[in-house]
Amino acid sequence: MSDPHVPDDGWKHSGVRVVPGDQLDGATPQTPGMLRATAIDRARMGAEKLWAGTVHIHPNAKTGAHHHGPLESVIYVVSGRARLRWGEKLEFVAEAGPGDFIYVPPFVPHQEINASTHEALSCVLVRSDSDAVVVNLDIEPAEPPEGVAWIDPTHKA
């Protein structure tokens, strides 16, 4: 008796797949100031519950304000220094460096900024649906933004 979860190909082509870093798809919704590239989504892999890819921001550059609709996003900083602004007027700010994770809840207006004047910012992105939702916004940023440090709600000091 066969397992109903095992596909006809025995997982050969429908199981684990590796996407080489030089074969990402740049034909994804973009926000001015950054270059997003898709590694995994519904069209490329049949993914139903996530989107994954990369983003690169040139030194001293910033993106336009945007949000990702009902999707949750995770940004992992590979190299460089990320400065994130968020809020209705981008009035809050925090920074992250290599090895740091950034969580962006649904509908939160935000802007990515490369905090370095000489090094590119490279990140890995993961979102909670395979649709590449990007809603670009026209926001006049508050100046100066308020710095916000993260407090772990499960391990309060």
N, C-alpha and C. Protein backbone atom coordinates (compact mmCIF):
# COMPACT_ATOMS: atom_id res chain seq x y z
N MET A 1 0.85 -1.18 0.00
CA MET A 1 0.00 0.00 0.00
C MET A 1 0.90 1.25 0.00
N SER A 2 0.65 2.17 -0.93
CA SER A 2 1.49 3.36 -1.03
C SER A 2 0.98 4.48 -0.14
N ASP A 3 1.90 5.34 0.23
CA ASP A 3 1.61 6.50 1.07
C ASP A 3 0.93 7.56 0.19
N PRO A 4 -0.27 8.06 0.56
CA PRO A 4 -0.97 9.05 -0.28
C PRO A 4 -0.24 10.40 -0.35
N HIS A 5 0.73 10.64 0.54
CA HIS A 5 1.46 11.90 0.53
C HIS A 5 2.64 11.88 -0.44
N VAL A 6 3.04 10.70 -0.90
CA VAL A 6 4.19 10.59 -1.81
C VAL A 6 3.71 10.78 -3.25
N PRO A 7 4.29 11.76 -3.96
CA PRO A 7 3.87 12.00 -5.35
C PRO A 7 4.34 10.87 -6.27
N ASP A 8 3.80 10.86 -7.48
CA ASP A 8 4.13 9.82 -8.46
C ASP A 8 5.62 9.73 -8.75
N ASP A 9 6.35 10.86 -8.68
CA ASP A 9 7.78 10.82 -8.99
C ASP A 9 8.62 10.42 -7.78
N GLY A 10 7.96 10.04 -6.66
CA GLY A 10 8.71 9.63 -5.46
C GLY A 10 9.55 10.75 -4.89
N TRP A 11 9.17 11.99 -5.08
CA TRP A 11 9.81 13.21 -4.60
C TRP A 11 11.00 13.65 -5.46
N LYS A 12 11.33 12.92 -6.54
CA LYS A 12 12.52 13.25 -7.32
C LYS A 12 12.50 14.70 -7.81
N HIS A 13 11.44 15.14 -8.45
CA HIS A 13 11.35 16.51 -8.96
C HIS A 13 10.38 17.38 -8.18
N SER A 14 9.62 16.79 -7.28
CA SER A 14 8.65 17.56 -6.50
C SER A 14 9.06 17.65 -5.04
N GLY A 15 10.26 17.17 -4.71
CA GLY A 15 10.77 17.26 -3.35
C GLY A 15 11.68 18.46 -3.19
N VAL A 16 12.79 18.28 -2.56
CA VAL A 16 13.75 19.35 -2.31
C VAL A 16 14.30 19.88 -3.64
N ARG A 17 14.40 21.22 -3.72
CA ARG A 17 14.98 21.85 -4.90
C ARG A 17 15.94 22.95 -4.46
N VAL A 18 17.02 23.07 -5.17
CA VAL A 18 18.03 24.10 -4.90
C VAL A 18 17.98 25.13 -6.02
N VAL A 19 17.88 26.40 -5.64
CA VAL A 19 17.90 27.49 -6.60
C VAL A 19 19.28 28.13 -6.53
N PRO A 20 20.10 27.98 -7.57
CA PRO A 20 21.42 28.62 -7.56
C PRO A 20 21.27 30.14 -7.42
N GLY A 21 22.17 30.74 -6.68
CA GLY A 21 22.12 32.18 -6.43
C GLY A 21 22.17 33.04 -7.66
N ASP A 22 22.73 32.51 -8.75
CA ASP A 22 22.79 33.30 -9.98
C ASP A 22 21.58 33.07 -10.89
N GLN A 23 20.55 32.36 -10.36
CA GLN A 23 19.36 32.09 -11.16
C GLN A 23 18.08 32.62 -10.51
N LEU A 24 18.20 33.71 -9.74
CA LEU A 24 17.03 34.35 -9.15
C LEU A 24 16.31 35.16 -10.24
N ASP A 25 15.04 35.42 -10.02
CA ASP A 25 14.20 36.11 -11.01
C ASP A 25 13.96 37.55 -10.57
N GLY A 26 14.48 38.50 -11.35
CA GLY A 26 14.30 39.93 -11.05
C GLY A 26 12.98 40.49 -11.52
N ALA A 27 12.15 39.69 -12.18
CA ALA A 27 10.85 40.14 -12.67
C ALA A 27 9.81 40.02 -11.55
N THR A 28 9.97 40.85 -10.53
CA THR A 28 9.07 40.87 -9.38
C THR A 28 8.72 42.32 -9.08
N PRO A 29 7.61 42.60 -8.40
CA PRO A 29 7.30 44.00 -8.09
C PRO A 29 8.47 44.68 -7.37
N GLN A 30 8.78 45.87 -7.79
CA GLN A 30 9.93 46.60 -7.26
C GLN A 30 9.48 47.87 -6.55
N THR A 31 10.36 48.35 -5.68
CA THR A 31 10.20 49.63 -5.02
C THR A 31 11.42 50.45 -5.38
N PRO A 32 11.26 51.73 -5.74
CA PRO A 32 12.43 52.54 -6.11
C PRO A 32 13.51 52.49 -5.03
N GLY A 33 14.77 52.33 -5.47
CA GLY A 33 15.90 52.34 -4.55
C GLY A 33 16.42 50.96 -4.18
N MET A 34 15.75 49.90 -4.61
CA MET A 34 16.20 48.55 -4.26
C MET A 34 16.01 47.63 -5.45
N LEU A 35 16.68 46.49 -5.40
CA LEU A 35 16.47 45.46 -6.41
C LEU A 35 16.08 44.17 -5.70
N ARG A 36 14.82 43.75 -5.88
CA ARG A 36 14.35 42.49 -5.33
C ARG A 36 14.51 41.40 -6.39
N ALA A 37 14.81 40.18 -5.94
CA ALA A 37 14.89 39.03 -6.85
C ALA A 37 14.25 37.83 -6.16
N THR A 38 13.43 37.10 -6.90
CA THR A 38 12.70 35.95 -6.36
C THR A 38 13.52 34.68 -6.48
N ALA A 39 13.57 33.93 -5.39
CA ALA A 39 14.15 32.58 -5.40
C ALA A 39 13.01 31.57 -5.42
N ILE A 40 12.04 31.75 -4.52
CA ILE A 40 10.98 30.76 -4.34
C ILE A 40 9.63 31.46 -4.29
N ASP A 41 8.70 30.99 -5.13
CA ASP A 41 7.32 31.47 -5.10
C ASP A 41 6.44 30.40 -5.74
N ARG A 42 5.19 30.72 -5.93
CA ARG A 42 4.25 29.77 -6.53
C ARG A 42 4.65 29.40 -7.96
N ALA A 43 4.98 30.40 -8.77
CA ALA A 43 5.28 30.15 -10.18
C ALA A 43 6.54 29.30 -10.37
N ARG A 44 7.58 29.56 -9.56
CA ARG A 44 8.85 28.86 -9.74
C ARG A 44 8.90 27.50 -9.06
N MET A 45 8.23 27.36 -7.90
CA MET A 45 8.37 26.15 -7.10
C MET A 45 7.05 25.49 -6.74
N GLY A 46 5.95 26.21 -6.93
CA GLY A 46 4.67 25.70 -6.47
C GLY A 46 4.43 26.02 -5.01
N ALA A 47 5.25 26.92 -4.44
CA ALA A 47 5.10 27.30 -3.02
C ALA A 47 3.72 27.91 -2.80
N GLU A 48 3.04 27.48 -1.77
CA GLU A 48 1.70 27.96 -1.48
C GLU A 48 1.65 28.96 -0.34
N LYS A 49 2.61 28.91 0.57
CA LYS A 49 2.51 29.71 1.79
C LYS A 49 3.68 30.64 2.04
N LEU A 50 4.62 30.76 1.08
CA LEU A 50 5.72 31.68 1.30
C LEU A 50 6.33 32.15 0.00
N TRP A 51 7.02 33.28 0.11
CA TRP A 51 7.82 33.87 -0.95
C TRP A 51 9.19 34.10 -0.35
N ALA A 52 10.26 33.81 -1.08
CA ALA A 52 11.61 34.07 -0.58
C ALA A 52 12.46 34.62 -1.71
N GLY A 53 13.34 35.52 -1.35
CA GLY A 53 14.22 36.11 -2.35
C GLY A 53 15.27 36.98 -1.68
N THR A 54 15.86 37.86 -2.47
CA THR A 54 16.91 38.74 -1.97
C THR A 54 16.56 40.19 -2.27
N VAL A 55 17.26 41.08 -1.58
CA VAL A 55 17.17 42.51 -1.88
C VAL A 55 18.58 43.08 -1.75
N HIS A 56 18.90 43.99 -2.68
CA HIS A 56 20.18 44.68 -2.65
C HIS A 56 19.91 46.18 -2.75
N ILE A 57 20.61 46.93 -1.89
CA ILE A 57 20.48 48.38 -1.87
C ILE A 57 21.88 48.98 -1.96
N HIS A 58 22.10 49.88 -2.90
CA HIS A 58 23.41 50.49 -3.09
C HIS A 58 23.82 51.32 -1.88
N PRO A 59 25.13 51.57 -1.72
CA PRO A 59 25.60 52.40 -0.61
C PRO A 59 24.90 53.75 -0.58
N ASN A 60 24.55 54.17 0.63
CA ASN A 60 23.95 55.49 0.88
C ASN A 60 22.62 55.69 0.16
N ALA A 61 21.95 54.61 -0.22
CA ALA A 61 20.66 54.71 -0.93
C ALA A 61 19.52 54.33 0.01
N LYS A 62 18.32 54.73 -0.36
CA LYS A 62 17.13 54.36 0.41
C LYS A 62 16.01 54.02 -0.54
N THR A 63 15.09 53.20 -0.06
CA THR A 63 13.95 52.81 -0.88
C THR A 63 12.82 53.81 -0.69
N GLY A 64 11.84 53.70 -1.55
CA GLY A 64 10.60 54.43 -1.33
C GLY A 64 9.82 53.76 -0.21
N ALA A 65 8.92 54.49 0.39
CA ALA A 65 8.05 53.92 1.43
C ALA A 65 7.09 52.93 0.78
N HIS A 66 6.81 51.83 1.48
CA HIS A 66 5.92 50.80 0.94
C HIS A 66 5.44 49.89 2.07
N HIS A 67 4.48 49.01 1.75
CA HIS A 67 4.10 47.93 2.66
C HIS A 67 3.77 46.72 1.82
N HIS A 68 3.54 45.59 2.48
CA HIS A 68 3.30 44.33 1.78
C HIS A 68 1.91 43.77 2.09
N GLY A 69 0.93 44.67 2.22
CA GLY A 69 -0.44 44.25 2.43
C GLY A 69 -0.56 43.32 3.64
N PRO A 70 -1.32 42.24 3.51
CA PRO A 70 -1.58 41.36 4.66
C PRO A 70 -0.44 40.40 4.98
N LEU A 71 0.69 40.53 4.28
CA LEU A 71 1.79 39.58 4.48
C LEU A 71 2.72 39.98 5.62
N GLU A 72 3.22 38.98 6.32
CA GLU A 72 4.31 39.18 7.28
C GLU A 72 5.61 39.02 6.51
N SER A 73 6.62 39.80 6.88
CA SER A 73 7.92 39.73 6.22
C SER A 73 9.03 39.55 7.24
N VAL A 74 10.04 38.78 6.85
CA VAL A 74 11.26 38.64 7.63
C VAL A 74 12.41 39.03 6.72
N ILE A 75 13.29 39.89 7.23
CA ILE A 75 14.48 40.32 6.51
C ILE A 75 15.68 39.85 7.32
N TYR A 76 16.59 39.13 6.66
CA TYR A 76 17.83 38.69 7.29
C TYR A 76 18.97 39.46 6.63
N VAL A 77 19.76 40.19 7.44
CA VAL A 77 20.85 40.98 6.90
C VAL A 77 22.07 40.09 6.69
N VAL A 78 22.48 39.96 5.42
CA VAL A 78 23.65 39.16 5.07
C VAL A 78 24.92 40.00 5.21
N SER A 79 24.91 41.20 4.62
CA SER A 79 26.06 42.09 4.73
C SER A 79 25.59 43.53 4.63
N GLY A 80 26.37 44.41 5.22
CA GLY A 80 26.02 45.83 5.23
C GLY A 80 25.30 46.22 6.50
N ARG A 81 24.78 47.42 6.50
CA ARG A 81 24.08 47.96 7.67
C ARG A 81 22.72 48.49 7.23
N ALA A 82 21.65 47.90 7.75
CA ALA A 82 20.29 48.29 7.39
C ALA A 82 19.74 49.28 8.42
N ARG A 83 19.13 50.32 7.92
CA ARG A 83 18.37 51.25 8.78
C ARG A 83 16.92 51.15 8.30
N LEU A 84 16.01 50.82 9.20
CA LEU A 84 14.60 50.69 8.86
C LEU A 84 13.85 51.85 9.49
N ARG A 85 13.01 52.49 8.68
CA ARG A 85 12.07 53.49 9.21
C ARG A 85 10.69 52.93 8.98
N TRP A 86 9.77 53.18 9.93
CA TRP A 86 8.41 52.69 9.79
C TRP A 86 7.45 53.59 10.52
N GLY A 87 6.16 53.39 10.24
CA GLY A 87 5.10 54.18 10.84
C GLY A 87 4.38 54.99 9.77
N GLU A 88 3.28 55.61 10.15
CA GLU A 88 2.47 56.39 9.20
C GLU A 88 3.25 57.53 8.55
N LYS A 89 4.24 58.06 9.27
CA LYS A 89 5.10 59.13 8.75
C LYS A 89 6.57 58.70 8.79
N LEU A 90 6.81 57.37 8.83
CA LEU A 90 8.16 56.83 8.95
C LEU A 90 8.88 57.46 10.15
N GLU A 91 8.12 57.60 11.23
CA GLU A 91 8.61 58.34 12.40
C GLU A 91 9.45 57.51 13.36
N PHE A 92 9.57 56.20 13.13
CA PHE A 92 10.36 55.33 14.00
C PHE A 92 11.54 54.78 13.21
N VAL A 93 12.66 54.50 13.91
CA VAL A 93 13.86 54.01 13.22
C VAL A 93 14.61 53.01 14.09
N ALA A 94 15.23 52.03 13.44
CA ALA A 94 16.11 51.07 14.11
C ALA A 94 17.12 50.60 13.07
N GLU A 95 18.25 50.07 13.55
CA GLU A 95 19.28 49.56 12.65
C GLU A 95 19.57 48.10 12.91
N ALA A 96 20.07 47.41 11.87
CA ALA A 96 20.40 46.00 11.97
C ALA A 96 21.65 45.75 11.12
N GLY A 97 22.46 44.78 11.58
CA GLY A 97 23.67 44.44 10.85
C GLY A 97 23.71 42.97 10.50
N PRO A 98 24.82 42.51 9.95
CA PRO A 98 24.95 41.12 9.52
C PRO A 98 24.56 40.14 10.63
N GLY A 99 23.71 39.17 10.26
CA GLY A 99 23.24 38.17 11.22
C GLY A 99 21.96 38.55 11.93
N ASP A 100 21.52 39.80 11.80
CA ASP A 100 20.29 40.26 12.46
C ASP A 100 19.07 39.93 11.61
N PHE A 101 17.95 39.69 12.29
CA PHE A 101 16.66 39.47 11.65
C PHE A 101 15.77 40.67 11.91
N ILE A 102 14.95 41.03 10.94
CA ILE A 102 13.99 42.13 11.06
C ILE A 102 12.62 41.56 10.75
N TYR A 103 11.63 41.84 11.59
CA TYR A 103 10.26 41.40 11.35
C TYR A 103 9.42 42.60 10.99
N VAL A 104 8.66 42.50 9.91
CA VAL A 104 7.75 43.56 9.48
C VAL A 104 6.33 42.99 9.45
N PRO A 105 5.45 43.44 10.36
CA PRO A 105 4.07 42.95 10.38
C PRO A 105 3.28 43.41 9.15
N PRO A 106 2.10 42.82 8.93
CA PRO A 106 1.25 43.22 7.81
C PRO A 106 0.91 44.71 7.83
N PHE A 107 0.84 45.30 6.66
CA PHE A 107 0.38 46.67 6.41
C PHE A 107 1.25 47.77 7.03
N VAL A 108 2.40 47.46 7.62
CA VAL A 108 3.23 48.49 8.25
C VAL A 108 3.99 49.26 7.17
N PRO A 109 3.73 50.57 7.04
CA PRO A 109 4.52 51.37 6.10
C PRO A 109 5.98 51.36 6.57
N HIS A 110 6.91 51.10 5.65
CA HIS A 110 8.31 51.07 6.03
C HIS A 110 9.20 51.47 4.86
N GLN A 111 10.46 51.73 5.21
CA GLN A 111 11.46 52.14 4.23
C GLN A 111 12.78 51.53 4.66
N GLU A 112 13.48 50.88 3.70
CA GLU A 112 14.81 50.37 3.97
C GLU A 112 15.84 51.40 3.52
N ILE A 113 16.87 51.58 4.34
CA ILE A 113 17.93 52.54 4.04
C ILE A 113 19.26 51.82 4.23
N ASN A 114 20.18 52.00 3.29
CA ASN A 114 21.52 51.49 3.48
C ASN A 114 22.26 52.53 4.32
N ALA A 115 22.60 52.17 5.55
CA ALA A 115 23.23 53.10 6.48
C ALA A 115 24.71 53.32 6.17
N SER A 116 25.27 52.55 5.24
CA SER A 116 26.68 52.68 4.88
C SER A 116 26.84 53.55 3.64
N THR A 117 27.87 54.38 3.63
CA THR A 117 28.16 55.21 2.47
C THR A 117 29.08 54.50 1.47
N HIS A 118 29.61 53.31 1.85
CA HIS A 118 30.58 52.65 0.96
C HIS A 118 30.32 51.16 0.71
N GLU A 119 29.43 50.52 1.47
CA GLU A 119 29.19 49.08 1.33
C GLU A 119 27.73 48.82 0.94
N ALA A 120 27.52 47.93 -0.03
CA ALA A 120 26.16 47.56 -0.42
C ALA A 120 25.48 46.82 0.73
N LEU A 121 24.17 46.94 0.79
CA LEU A 121 23.36 46.22 1.78
C LEU A 121 22.72 45.03 1.06
N SER A 122 22.98 43.83 1.56
CA SER A 122 22.42 42.61 0.97
C SER A 122 21.63 41.86 2.02
N CYS A 123 20.39 41.50 1.67
CA CYS A 123 19.50 40.83 2.61
C CYS A 123 18.76 39.68 1.94
N VAL A 124 18.30 38.74 2.76
CA VAL A 124 17.41 37.68 2.32
C VAL A 124 16.03 38.01 2.86
N LEU A 125 14.99 37.89 2.02
CA LEU A 125 13.62 38.19 2.41
C LEU A 125 12.77 36.93 2.39
N VAL A 126 11.85 36.82 3.34
CA VAL A 126 10.85 35.76 3.33
C VAL A 126 9.52 36.40 3.71
N ARG A 127 8.48 36.08 2.92
CA ARG A 127 7.13 36.59 3.21
C ARG A 127 6.17 35.44 3.36
N SER A 128 5.05 35.70 4.04
CA SER A 128 4.12 34.65 4.47
C SER A 128 3.12 34.20 3.40
N ASP A 129 3.33 34.55 2.15
CA ASP A 129 2.48 34.07 1.07
C ASP A 129 3.31 34.08 -0.19
N SER A 130 2.93 33.30 -1.18
CA SER A 130 3.72 33.22 -2.40
C SER A 130 3.46 34.39 -3.35
N ASP A 131 2.48 35.23 -3.07
CA ASP A 131 2.23 36.41 -3.89
C ASP A 131 3.22 37.51 -3.50
N ALA A 132 3.77 38.18 -4.49
CA ALA A 132 4.74 39.25 -4.25
C ALA A 132 4.01 40.58 -4.10
N VAL A 133 3.34 40.77 -2.97
CA VAL A 133 2.56 41.99 -2.73
C VAL A 133 3.50 43.14 -2.36
N VAL A 134 3.42 44.23 -3.12
CA VAL A 134 4.17 45.45 -2.82
C VAL A 134 3.26 46.62 -3.11
N VAL A 135 3.01 47.43 -2.09
CA VAL A 135 2.19 48.63 -2.24
C VAL A 135 3.09 49.82 -1.97
N ASN A 136 3.49 50.54 -3.03
CA ASN A 136 4.36 51.70 -2.88
C ASN A 136 3.52 52.89 -2.39
N LEU A 137 4.09 53.68 -1.48
CA LEU A 137 3.37 54.77 -0.81
C LEU A 137 4.07 56.10 -1.04
N ASP A 138 3.29 57.17 -0.99
CA ASP A 138 3.83 58.52 -1.07
C ASP A 138 3.70 59.13 0.32
N ILE A 139 4.79 59.07 1.10
CA ILE A 139 4.79 59.53 2.49
C ILE A 139 5.83 60.63 2.67
N GLU A 140 5.45 61.69 3.35
CA GLU A 140 6.39 62.73 3.73
C GLU A 140 6.96 62.34 5.10
N PRO A 141 8.26 61.94 5.16
CA PRO A 141 8.81 61.42 6.42
C PRO A 141 8.93 62.47 7.53
N ALA A 142 8.69 62.02 8.75
CA ALA A 142 8.89 62.87 9.93
C ALA A 142 10.38 63.03 10.16
N GLU A 143 10.80 64.18 10.61
CA GLU A 143 12.21 64.41 10.93
C GLU A 143 12.32 65.08 12.28
N PRO A 144 13.20 64.66 13.16
CA PRO A 144 13.96 63.41 13.05
C PRO A 144 13.11 62.23 13.52
N PRO A 145 13.43 61.01 13.06
CA PRO A 145 12.68 59.85 13.52
C PRO A 145 13.06 59.47 14.95
N GLU A 146 12.17 58.77 15.62
CA GLU A 146 12.40 58.31 17.00
C GLU A 146 13.02 56.92 16.98
N GLY A 147 14.20 56.78 17.62
CA GLY A 147 14.85 55.47 17.71
C GLY A 147 14.06 54.53 18.60
N VAL A 148 13.92 53.27 18.18
CA VAL A 148 13.17 52.28 18.95
C VAL A 148 14.03 51.03 19.11
N ALA A 149 14.33 50.66 20.35
CA ALA A 149 15.08 49.43 20.63
C ALA A 149 14.09 48.30 20.86
N TRP A 150 14.45 47.11 20.41
CA TRP A 150 13.58 45.94 20.57
C TRP A 150 13.68 45.40 22.00
N ILE A 151 12.53 45.04 22.56
CA ILE A 151 12.46 44.41 23.88
C ILE A 151 11.81 43.05 23.70
N ASP A 152 12.51 42.00 24.11
CA ASP A 152 12.02 40.63 23.97
C ASP A 152 10.89 40.41 24.98
N PRO A 153 9.65 40.24 24.52
CA PRO A 153 8.54 40.07 25.47
C PRO A 153 8.56 38.75 26.22
N THR A 154 9.32 37.77 25.72
CA THR A 154 9.37 36.48 26.39
C THR A 154 10.54 36.35 27.37
N HIS A 155 11.51 37.27 27.30
CA HIS A 155 12.67 37.22 28.18
C HIS A 155 12.98 38.63 28.70
N LYS A 156 12.03 39.24 29.37
CA LYS A 156 12.22 40.60 29.85
C LYS A 156 13.34 40.64 30.88
N ALA A 157 14.17 41.67 30.77
CA ALA A 157 15.30 41.83 31.71
C ALA A 157 14.83 42.51 32.97
